[in-house]
Amino acid sequence: MSQDSRHFQVADPFGRTWDVEFRWQQNAISIRHADAVDCKYYISCGGDKRELVVALRHPDLLKLAAERGRPLTDAWVIRLAGHHVRHMISTWEDMDKVLVTAPYGDLVRHSLAIAEEEERERERAATSR
């Protein structure tokens, strides 16, 4: 995934490239009485513009953070949601919806991908010294 988890591009299965822009993150309890964190994105491809909200269940985030041995931070949640947006666009899964709850299994896969990215970043930093 792009180093910038707030602005990135993703190719869909139909050969189009979508621009993705992270807009905000908010506790869902305050807007729809759900125990989740919502991340909103604007996505566009040419004249096609959409809004997409990825909901990450708070119990899933707590469980995953504990399993991965890492703190639950806003930055990590944004990266998890961004990976889910990338997955959705690249497979066109759930793209008919505006609000999508990321399944726990997907969050596990996304967290592993983030851990690999972080390891590559550490290796790059170590070799550039």
Protein backbone atom coordinates (compact mmCIF):
# COMPACT_ATOMS: atom_id res chain seq x y z
CA MET A 1 0.00 0.00 0.00
CA SER A 2 1.09 3.54 -0.56
CA GLN A 3 3.15 5.10 2.22
CA ASP A 4 0.42 7.74 2.47
CA SER A 5 -2.61 6.09 4.06
CA ARG A 6 -4.66 9.27 3.57
CA HIS A 7 -4.28 9.63 -0.23
CA PHE A 8 -3.65 6.71 -2.56
CA GLN A 9 -4.74 5.09 -5.81
CA VAL A 10 -6.22 1.65 -6.41
CA ALA A 11 -6.94 -0.24 -9.63
CA ASP A 12 -10.31 -1.97 -9.89
CA PRO A 13 -10.98 -5.27 -11.73
CA PHE A 14 -12.23 -3.32 -14.76
CA GLY A 15 -8.94 -1.54 -15.45
CA ARG A 16 -9.87 1.81 -13.90
CA THR A 17 -7.74 3.62 -11.33
CA TRP A 18 -9.51 5.18 -8.36
CA ASP A 19 -8.22 8.10 -6.32
CA VAL A 20 -8.87 7.56 -2.61
CA GLU A 21 -8.89 10.36 -0.05
CA PHE A 22 -9.33 9.77 3.68
CA ARG A 23 -11.70 12.38 5.14
CA TRP A 24 -12.30 11.59 8.80
CA GLN A 25 -12.34 9.06 11.59
CA GLN A 26 -15.00 9.11 14.29
CA ASN A 27 -16.36 6.93 17.06
CA ALA A 28 -19.55 5.50 15.59
CA ILE A 29 -21.32 5.66 18.95
CA SER A 30 -21.64 9.42 18.48
CA ILE A 31 -23.21 9.25 15.02
CA ARG A 32 -25.09 5.94 14.80
CA HIS A 33 -24.93 4.36 18.27
CA ALA A 34 -22.60 1.55 17.18
CA ASP A 35 -19.56 0.21 19.05
CA ALA A 36 -17.24 0.88 16.15
CA VAL A 37 -14.83 3.37 14.63
CA ASP A 38 -15.94 4.80 11.29
CA CYS A 39 -13.46 5.99 8.66
CA LYS A 40 -14.86 8.00 5.76
CA TYR A 41 -13.30 8.17 2.31
CA TYR A 42 -14.04 10.03 -0.89
CA ILE A 43 -13.21 7.93 -3.91
CA SER A 44 -13.23 9.08 -7.51
CA CYS A 45 -12.46 7.82 -10.98
CA GLY A 46 -12.99 10.33 -13.75
CA GLY A 47 -16.49 11.70 -13.26
CA ASP A 48 -17.56 8.88 -10.92
CA LYS A 49 -17.40 10.12 -7.33
CA ARG A 50 -18.49 8.19 -4.25
CA GLU A 51 -18.41 8.33 -0.49
CA LEU A 52 -17.46 5.24 1.47
CA VAL A 53 -17.50 4.61 5.21
CA VAL A 54 -15.56 1.67 6.61
CA ALA A 55 -16.69 0.61 10.08
CA LEU A 56 -14.25 -1.27 12.28
CA ARG A 57 -15.92 -2.91 15.27
CA HIS A 58 -14.37 -1.77 18.55
CA PRO A 59 -14.34 -5.30 20.09
CA ASP A 60 -12.55 -6.56 16.96
CA LEU A 61 -9.99 -3.76 17.18
CA LEU A 62 -9.31 -4.47 20.86
CA LYS A 63 -8.92 -8.20 20.20
CA LEU A 64 -6.66 -7.65 17.20
CA ALA A 65 -4.48 -5.10 19.01
CA ALA A 66 -4.03 -7.54 21.89
CA GLU A 67 -3.21 -10.43 19.54
CA ARG A 68 -0.72 -8.32 17.59
CA GLY A 69 0.80 -6.87 20.77
CA ARG A 70 0.37 -3.28 19.69
CA PRO A 71 -1.52 -0.29 21.02
CA LEU A 72 -4.83 0.67 19.48
CA THR A 73 -4.04 4.03 17.85
CA ASP A 74 -5.83 6.30 15.41
CA ALA A 75 -2.99 5.88 12.90
CA TRP A 76 -3.25 2.08 12.97
CA VAL A 77 -7.05 2.19 12.59
CA ILE A 78 -6.71 4.52 9.59
CA ARG A 79 -4.20 2.13 8.01
CA LEU A 80 -6.48 -0.88 8.64
CA ALA A 81 -9.43 0.94 7.09
CA GLY A 82 -7.29 2.07 4.15
CA HIS A 83 -6.25 -1.51 3.48
CA HIS A 84 -9.90 -2.49 3.53
CA VAL A 85 -10.77 0.21 1.01
CA ARG A 86 -7.94 -1.03 -1.21
CA HIS A 87 -9.32 -4.59 -0.94
CA MET A 88 -12.87 -3.44 -1.71
CA ILE A 89 -11.91 -1.50 -4.82
CA SER A 90 -9.45 -4.09 -6.15
CA THR A 91 -12.05 -6.89 -5.85
CA TRP A 92 -15.15 -4.69 -6.26
CA GLU A 93 -16.51 -6.42 -3.16
CA ASP A 94 -19.26 -4.44 -1.37
CA MET A 95 -18.83 -1.47 -3.70
CA ASP A 96 -22.61 -1.21 -3.96
CA LYS A 97 -22.69 -0.08 -0.31
CA VAL A 98 -21.88 3.25 1.34
CA LEU A 99 -21.29 1.81 4.83
CA VAL A 100 -19.29 -1.41 5.13
CA THR A 101 -18.25 -3.21 8.31
CA ALA A 102 -14.85 -4.84 7.86
CA PRO A 103 -15.00 -8.52 8.91
CA TYR A 104 -12.56 -9.63 11.61
CA GLY A 105 -10.75 -12.02 9.23
CA ASP A 106 -10.08 -9.16 6.85
CA LEU A 107 -8.74 -7.03 9.69
CA VAL A 108 -6.32 -9.83 10.60
CA ARG A 109 -5.05 -9.95 6.99
CA HIS A 110 -4.76 -6.17 6.86
CA SER A 111 -2.82 -6.09 10.14
CA LEU A 112 -0.36 -8.67 8.81
CA ALA A 113 0.14 -6.61 5.65
CA ILE A 114 0.75 -3.50 7.78
CA ALA A 115 3.29 -5.40 9.90
CA GLU A 116 5.12 -6.44 6.69
CA GLU A 117 5.12 -2.82 5.48
CA GLU A 118 6.52 -1.66 8.80
CA GLU A 119 9.26 -4.29 8.66
CA ARG A 120 10.24 -3.18 5.13
CA GLU A 121 10.30 0.44 6.34
CA ARG A 122 12.61 -0.53 9.22
CA GLU A 123 14.91 -2.45 6.85
CA ARG A 124 15.05 0.50 4.44
CA ALA A 125 15.86 2.87 7.29
CA ALA A 126 18.60 0.55 8.57
CA THR A 127 20.26 0.23 5.15
CA SER A 128 20.16 3.97 4.49
CA ARG A 129 22.29 4.77 7.55
